[in-house]
Protein backbone atom coordinates (compact mmCIF):
# COMPACT_ATOMS: atom_id res chain seq x y z
CA MET A 1 -28.11 18.74 24.26
CA GLY A 2 -29.92 17.94 27.58
CA ARG A 3 -33.12 16.00 28.18
CA GLN A 4 -34.56 16.29 24.74
CA VAL A 5 -31.53 14.49 23.33
CA ALA A 6 -31.61 11.76 25.95
CA ALA A 7 -35.27 11.23 25.48
CA GLN A 8 -35.00 11.08 21.63
CA ALA A 9 -32.25 8.34 22.01
CA SER A 10 -34.35 6.23 24.26
CA VAL A 11 -37.34 6.16 21.82
CA ARG A 12 -35.58 5.01 18.68
CA ARG A 13 -32.14 4.50 17.27
CA ALA A 14 -30.29 7.86 16.39
CA THR A 15 -29.60 8.62 12.79
CA LEU A 16 -27.08 10.86 11.13
CA THR A 17 -29.89 13.40 10.69
CA ASP A 18 -30.37 13.39 14.53
CA VAL A 19 -26.71 13.88 15.09
CA GLY A 20 -26.61 16.77 12.66
CA ALA A 21 -29.59 18.44 14.20
CA ALA A 22 -28.22 18.06 17.61
CA ALA A 23 -24.82 19.57 16.46
CA GLY A 24 -26.46 22.23 14.29
CA VAL A 25 -24.83 20.87 11.11
CA SER A 26 -25.91 19.02 7.90
CA LYS A 27 -25.98 15.17 7.59
CA ALA A 28 -23.19 15.55 5.06
CA THR A 29 -21.07 17.37 7.61
CA VAL A 30 -21.62 14.68 10.12
CA SER A 31 -20.50 12.03 7.76
CA LYS A 32 -17.37 14.03 6.80
CA ALA A 33 -16.39 14.45 10.46
CA LEU A 34 -16.91 10.76 11.34
CA ASN A 35 -14.75 9.86 8.32
CA GLY A 36 -11.81 12.18 9.23
CA ARG A 37 -12.25 14.67 6.44
CA SER A 38 -9.86 17.62 6.56
CA ASP A 39 -12.55 20.06 5.45
CA VAL A 40 -14.35 19.97 8.72
CA ALA A 41 -13.35 22.62 11.26
CA ALA A 42 -11.98 21.27 14.54
CA GLU A 43 -14.81 23.08 16.59
CA THR A 44 -17.39 21.47 14.40
CA ARG A 45 -15.89 17.98 14.63
CA GLU A 46 -15.97 18.24 18.50
CA ARG A 47 -19.70 19.33 18.38
CA VAL A 48 -20.48 16.26 16.20
CA LEU A 49 -18.64 13.89 18.39
CA ALA A 50 -20.33 15.29 21.52
CA ALA A 51 -23.71 14.76 19.73
CA VAL A 52 -22.60 11.09 18.83
CA THR A 53 -21.84 10.36 22.36
CA ALA A 54 -25.04 12.07 23.77
CA LEU A 55 -27.32 10.19 21.26
CA ASN A 56 -25.37 6.87 21.60
CA TYR A 57 -25.30 6.90 17.77
CA ARG A 58 -24.29 3.73 16.04
CA PRO A 59 -24.03 3.36 12.27
CA THR A 60 -27.04 1.50 10.53
CA THR A 61 -24.56 -0.93 9.22
CA ALA A 62 -23.52 -2.04 12.74
CA PRO A 63 -24.20 -5.72 13.37
CA ASP A 64 -27.18 -6.87 15.50
CA PRO A 65 -25.57 -7.92 18.84
CA THR A 66 -27.68 -11.11 18.77
CA THR A 67 -25.80 -12.25 15.57
CA GLU A 68 -22.32 -13.73 15.34
CA ARG A 69 -21.37 -11.89 12.09
CA ARG A 70 -17.93 -10.32 12.21
CA ALA A 71 -16.18 -8.00 9.86
CA LEU A 72 -12.80 -6.94 8.73
CA ALA A 73 -11.89 -3.48 7.63
CA VAL A 74 -9.29 -2.93 4.94
CA VAL A 75 -7.91 0.60 4.57
CA PHE A 76 -5.82 2.22 1.90
CA ASP A 77 -5.01 5.57 0.25
CA ILE A 78 -5.10 4.67 -3.39
CA PRO A 79 -7.61 2.13 -4.42
CA ALA A 80 -6.78 2.31 -8.25
CA SER A 81 -3.29 0.79 -8.00
CA PRO A 82 -2.77 -2.72 -9.59
CA TYR A 83 -0.70 -3.57 -6.49
CA ILE A 84 -3.59 -2.67 -4.14
CA LEU A 85 -6.14 -4.67 -6.22
CA ASN A 86 -3.93 -7.83 -6.10
CA VAL A 87 -3.31 -7.66 -2.41
CA LEU A 88 -7.09 -7.05 -2.00
CA GLN A 89 -7.68 -10.45 -3.81
CA GLY A 90 -5.92 -12.26 -1.03
CA VAL A 91 -7.66 -10.21 1.71
CA LEU A 92 -11.09 -10.89 0.19
CA ALA A 93 -10.41 -14.55 -0.33
CA THR A 94 -9.29 -15.17 3.16
CA ALA A 95 -11.96 -12.89 4.75
CA THR A 96 -14.50 -14.93 2.97
CA ASP A 97 -12.92 -18.20 4.04
CA GLY A 98 -13.11 -16.91 7.61
CA ARG A 99 -16.76 -15.79 7.20
CA LEU A 100 -15.86 -12.23 7.73
CA ASP A 101 -17.67 -9.33 6.01
CA LEU A 102 -15.12 -7.14 4.25
CA LEU A 103 -15.32 -3.36 4.78
CA THR A 104 -13.24 -1.40 2.38
CA ARG A 105 -12.21 1.97 3.61
CA LEU A 106 -10.35 5.05 2.29
CA ALA A 107 -8.16 6.30 5.18
CA PRO A 108 -8.92 9.67 6.81
CA ASP A 109 -7.31 12.52 4.96
CA LEU A 110 -3.57 12.72 5.34
CA GLU A 111 -3.79 16.23 6.84
CA VAL A 112 -5.90 14.97 9.92
CA ARG A 113 -5.19 11.28 10.28
CA THR A 114 -2.23 12.04 12.66
CA GLN A 115 -4.69 13.70 15.02
CA ARG A 116 -5.49 11.40 18.02
CA THR A 117 -9.14 12.44 18.28
CA VAL A 118 -9.70 11.80 14.65
CA ALA A 119 -7.82 8.38 14.85
CA ARG A 120 -9.78 7.27 17.89
CA GLU A 121 -13.10 8.11 16.29
CA TRP A 122 -12.22 6.35 13.01
CA ILE A 123 -11.27 3.22 14.84
CA ALA A 124 -14.43 3.46 16.96
CA GLU A 125 -16.41 3.78 13.70
CA GLN A 126 -14.95 0.55 12.24
CA ARG A 127 -15.58 -1.22 15.61
CA ALA A 128 -19.20 -0.08 15.65
CA CYS A 129 -19.47 -1.62 12.09
CA GLY A 130 -18.47 -5.02 13.58
CA ALA A 131 -14.83 -5.02 12.56
CA VAL A 132 -12.74 -7.37 14.59
CA GLY A 133 -9.55 -6.07 13.05
CA ILE A 134 -8.08 -3.82 10.47
CA VAL A 135 -5.75 -4.39 7.53
CA GLY A 136 -3.84 -1.30 6.26
CA LEU A 137 -2.42 -1.50 2.63
CA THR A 138 0.83 0.66 2.18
CA LEU A 139 -0.88 3.39 4.35
CA SER A 140 1.00 6.64 4.94
CA GLU A 141 1.52 8.04 8.34
CA PRO A 142 -0.49 5.41 10.22
CA ASP A 143 0.99 5.79 13.68
CA ALA A 144 -2.05 7.37 15.26
CA LEU A 145 -4.33 4.76 13.79
CA ILE A 146 -2.12 2.04 15.01
CA ASP A 147 -2.18 3.52 18.51
CA ALA A 148 -5.92 4.06 18.60
CA ALA A 149 -6.40 0.49 17.44
CA ALA A 150 -4.15 -0.93 20.07
CA ASP A 151 -5.76 1.18 22.82
CA ALA A 152 -9.12 -0.17 21.59
CA GLY A 153 -7.97 -3.72 21.66
CA LEU A 154 -8.49 -3.96 17.82
CA ALA A 155 -6.05 -5.98 15.82
CA PHE A 156 -4.21 -3.87 13.08
CA VAL A 157 -1.82 -5.32 10.54
CA MET A 158 0.04 -3.25 8.00
CA VAL A 159 0.88 -4.56 4.53
CA ASP A 160 4.16 -3.04 3.10
CA PRO A 161 4.45 -0.20 5.71
CA VAL A 162 5.45 2.99 4.00
CA ASP A 163 6.83 5.52 6.47
CA THR A 164 6.66 4.01 9.92
CA ASN A 165 8.70 1.81 12.36
CA HIS A 166 6.10 2.16 15.05
CA GLN A 167 6.86 -0.30 18.09
CA ARG A 168 3.29 -1.46 18.19
CA MET A 169 2.99 -2.23 14.44
CA VAL A 170 2.49 -5.72 13.14
CA SER A 171 3.24 -5.93 9.32
CA VAL A 172 3.53 -8.24 6.32
CA GLY A 173 5.87 -7.50 3.42
CA SER A 174 8.18 -8.96 0.86
CA SER A 175 12.06 -9.58 0.76
CA ASN A 176 12.45 -6.31 -1.17
CA TRP A 177 16.13 -6.14 -0.77
CA ALA A 178 16.75 -9.67 -2.04
CA GLY A 179 14.16 -9.11 -4.88
CA ALA A 180 15.98 -6.12 -6.29
CA ARG A 181 19.38 -7.75 -5.84
CA ALA A 182 18.34 -10.75 -7.96
CA ALA A 183 16.94 -8.46 -10.62
CA ALA A 184 20.19 -6.47 -10.69
CA ASP A 185 22.30 -9.66 -10.70
CA HIS A 186 20.30 -10.78 -13.73
CA LEU A 187 21.13 -7.73 -15.66
CA ILE A 188 24.76 -7.80 -14.76
CA ALA A 189 25.01 -11.45 -15.84
CA LEU A 190 23.57 -10.34 -19.21
CA GLY A 191 26.57 -8.13 -19.55
CA HIS A 192 25.02 -4.75 -18.57
CA ARG A 193 27.46 -2.30 -16.86
CA ARG A 194 25.59 0.99 -17.21
CA ILE A 195 22.23 0.27 -15.36
CA GLY A 196 19.77 2.85 -14.48
CA TRP A 197 17.49 2.91 -11.46
CA ILE A 198 13.93 4.36 -11.26
CA GLY A 199 12.75 4.20 -7.78
CA GLY A 200 9.81 4.94 -5.55
CA PRO A 201 9.36 7.74 -2.98
CA GLU A 202 12.20 8.04 -0.44
CA VAL A 203 9.69 7.77 2.59
CA SER A 204 8.93 4.15 1.40
CA HIS A 205 10.67 1.48 3.31
CA ALA A 206 10.08 -0.93 0.42
CA ALA A 207 11.61 1.58 -2.07
CA ARG A 208 14.63 2.19 -0.05
CA ASP A 209 15.27 -1.53 0.58
CA ARG A 210 14.96 -2.24 -3.19
CA PHE A 211 17.48 0.54 -4.02
CA TYR A 212 19.85 -0.96 -1.35
CA GLY A 213 19.52 -4.40 -2.97
CA PHE A 214 20.27 -2.81 -6.40
CA SER A 215 23.30 -1.00 -5.01
CA ALA A 216 24.55 -4.07 -3.35
CA ALA A 217 24.50 -6.05 -6.63
CA LEU A 218 26.55 -3.40 -8.34
CA ASP A 219 29.05 -3.19 -5.47
CA ALA A 220 29.53 -6.94 -5.46
CA ALA A 221 30.19 -6.91 -9.35
CA GLY A 222 32.75 -4.04 -8.84
CA LEU A 223 30.57 -1.62 -10.64
CA THR A 224 30.24 2.07 -9.69
CA LEU A 225 26.85 3.53 -9.27
CA ASP A 226 26.51 6.52 -11.60
CA PRO A 227 24.35 9.17 -9.90
CA ALA A 228 23.32 10.46 -13.34
CA LEU A 229 21.46 7.13 -13.91
CA VAL A 230 19.48 7.36 -10.54
CA ARG A 231 16.00 8.81 -10.36
CA ALA A 232 13.09 8.39 -7.74
CA GLU A 233 9.61 9.68 -7.35
CA ARG A 234 6.21 8.12 -6.86
CA PHE A 235 5.16 4.67 -7.91
CA ASP A 236 3.08 5.33 -11.11
CA VAL A 237 3.36 5.10 -14.96
CA ALA A 238 3.63 8.90 -15.61
CA ALA A 239 6.62 9.24 -13.24
CA GLY A 240 8.37 6.20 -14.90
CA ALA A 241 7.83 7.65 -18.32
CA ARG A 242 9.19 11.09 -17.24
CA LEU A 243 12.25 9.91 -15.34
CA ALA A 244 13.08 7.30 -18.08
CA ARG A 245 13.12 10.28 -20.69
CA GLU A 246 15.59 12.14 -18.46
CA ILE A 247 17.89 9.09 -18.23
CA LEU A 248 17.62 7.98 -21.79
CA SER A 249 18.11 11.46 -23.27
CA ALA A 250 21.51 11.86 -21.56
CA PRO A 251 24.71 11.80 -23.52
CA ASN A 252 25.71 8.37 -22.20
CA PRO A 253 22.48 6.42 -21.57
CA PRO A 254 22.23 3.09 -19.89
CA THR A 255 21.83 -0.21 -21.58
CA ALA A 256 19.34 -1.42 -18.90
CA ILE A 257 17.02 0.07 -16.41
CA LEU A 258 15.67 -1.47 -13.16
CA ALA A 259 12.39 0.02 -12.13
CA ALA A 260 11.22 -0.29 -8.50
CA ASP A 261 7.76 -1.40 -9.49
CA ASP A 262 5.79 -2.55 -12.55
CA GLU A 263 4.00 0.69 -13.06
CA LEU A 264 7.23 2.62 -13.23
CA ALA A 265 8.53 -0.09 -15.66
CA VAL A 266 5.50 0.36 -17.93
CA GLY A 267 6.31 4.04 -18.13
CA VAL A 268 9.96 3.19 -19.05
CA LEU A 269 8.66 0.96 -21.83
CA ALA A 270 6.38 3.81 -23.15
CA THR A 271 9.24 6.26 -23.31
CA ALA A 272 11.65 3.85 -24.99
CA HIS A 273 9.03 3.25 -27.65
CA ASP A 274 8.57 7.06 -28.06
CA LEU A 275 12.36 7.57 -28.47
CA GLY A 276 12.67 4.82 -30.92
CA ILE A 277 14.75 2.67 -28.59
CA ARG A 278 14.19 -1.07 -29.04
CA VAL A 279 13.42 -3.24 -26.00
CA PRO A 280 15.27 -5.48 -25.31
CA GLU A 281 17.71 -5.14 -28.25
CA ASP A 282 18.88 -1.60 -27.18
CA LEU A 283 17.66 -1.40 -23.62
CA SER A 284 16.72 -4.12 -21.05
CA VAL A 285 13.96 -3.24 -18.58
CA THR A 286 12.92 -4.91 -15.33
CA GLY A 287 10.13 -4.19 -12.97
CA PHE A 288 9.00 -5.35 -9.46
CA ASP A 289 5.78 -6.82 -8.23
CA ASP A 290 4.75 -9.09 -11.17
CA THR A 291 1.36 -7.64 -11.39
CA PRO A 292 -0.94 -9.07 -14.21
CA GLN A 293 -0.20 -6.29 -16.57
CA ALA A 294 3.54 -7.30 -16.58
CA ALA A 295 2.73 -10.29 -18.79
CA TRP A 296 0.77 -8.06 -21.33
CA THR A 297 3.22 -5.37 -22.05
CA THR A 298 5.26 -5.05 -25.35
CA PRO A 299 7.48 -6.94 -24.87
CA PRO A 300 6.35 -8.82 -21.78
CA LEU A 301 8.10 -7.54 -18.61
CA THR A 302 10.79 -9.32 -16.78
CA THR A 303 9.93 -8.44 -13.12
CA VAL A 304 10.44 -9.55 -9.44
CA HIS A 305 7.56 -11.61 -8.39
CA GLN A 306 6.20 -10.95 -4.91
CA HIS A 307 3.23 -12.90 -3.57
CA LEU A 308 0.81 -9.98 -3.48
CA ASP A 309 -2.41 -12.10 -2.72
CA GLY A 310 -0.18 -14.05 -0.29
CA MET A 311 0.60 -10.79 1.66
CA GLY A 312 -3.02 -10.12 1.79
CA ARG A 313 -3.93 -13.68 2.99
CA MET A 314 -1.18 -13.55 5.58
CA ALA A 315 -2.29 -10.10 6.90
CA VAL A 316 -5.92 -11.48 7.34
CA HIS A 317 -4.82 -14.62 9.07
CA THR A 318 -2.69 -12.58 11.50
CA VAL A 319 -5.64 -10.25 12.31
CA ILE A 320 -7.84 -13.27 12.97
CA ALA A 321 -5.30 -14.83 15.30
CA MET A 322 -4.77 -11.47 17.05
CA SER A 323 -8.51 -10.91 17.50
CA SER A 324 -8.70 -14.43 19.18
CA GLY A 325 -5.99 -13.52 21.67
CA THR A 326 -3.03 -15.17 20.04
CA PRO A 327 -0.09 -12.69 19.67
CA PRO A 328 1.87 -12.87 16.41
CA ALA A 329 4.98 -15.08 16.45
CA SER A 330 6.88 -12.18 14.70
CA ARG A 331 5.96 -8.42 14.49
CA HIS A 332 7.19 -8.45 10.90
CA VAL A 333 6.83 -11.24 8.36
CA GLU A 334 8.53 -11.15 5.00
CA LEU A 335 7.39 -13.38 2.08
CA ALA A 336 10.09 -14.58 -0.40
CA THR A 337 10.38 -13.02 -3.79
CA SER A 338 11.60 -14.63 -7.05
CA LEU A 339 12.57 -13.43 -10.53
CA THR A 340 10.10 -13.87 -13.42
CA LEU A 341 11.97 -13.78 -16.88
CA ARG A 342 10.14 -12.53 -19.83
CA GLY A 343 11.09 -10.77 -23.05
CA SER A 344 12.19 -7.27 -21.85
CA THR A 345 15.66 -8.36 -20.99
CA THR A 346 18.50 -9.74 -23.03
CA ALA A 347 22.38 -9.51 -23.39
CA ALA A 348 23.76 -6.10 -23.40
CA PRO A 349 24.53 -4.64 -26.93
CA GLY A 350 27.89 -6.12 -27.89
CA ALA A 351 27.91 -8.52 -25.06
CA ALA A 352 27.83 -12.45 -25.62
CA ALA A 353 24.69 -13.98 -24.72
CA PRO A 354 25.02 -16.05 -21.36
CA ALA A 355 24.89 -19.67 -21.37
CA ALA A 356 21.57 -21.18 -20.61
CA SER A 357 21.31 -22.22 -16.87
């Protein structure tokens, strides 16, 4: 890459096309390499990164150093989730209040994001775009990104960490254990004794904490957890519908199901309808999150309310403070949950209705 590359860089600002020409690859391949895509060979990625360094390439979206505009990057795996969209509302509102441009990013592919080189270059890309910090939303396997951000002096805050207890991680979440305990206590107070559980993936700390809260409520009430009524998979409607069919088709089905998030609960409601099971007369159903769709199901869903936009707001406030040199008072903050009662729960069949409280 020699004198010609250096001379080119001194004449004008390098572009993706210039980087591709220097590395002997297409512009699209350069973009894939810089965004951590797994379909780029390691040797090709290294050539691209070498060209980036030689040309002093910076994205065209990078801020003019003479301006004071700053940005915040928010990164996630699944943009379509109602959960993600509601947390993003809080992130966007607080970033706007703080006069930060919001950069929405899909994380590097899961197959390569654990590689230190990929993580460092991805973090460098966000910094070149003016990011003063990063908010990760329920991001899987973020350890390499957390390390790279810390090494670069870039604030990184996780919302609802999934599968990490990284010692350098700063995170914001909800009181998952207490929320699930409250939902289970509610069902027990309604006279339910066979209560099913449909949970999220085992790698999720939130999913595990919710299951532990559910189990604690049963134990405190002297009820035995029946393994035949327990299922767990990913957080989505299809999984909830499929797992509910397994539980509700058993010889001795439950009179209530506690789902670990609202999407799972929506799947439970759909399966109950398909099987001709009345909700709540034959089956009570609860969710977790209190996303907007919970109020529009049939019947409206009883669910654990967590402050999704509040988590987003708290994460941005923490990033802004950290970027100003103020360390967080706590490396993990939990926001309180509460139970929102709607029409999907009632007294167990044959049980007396509880007195109004």
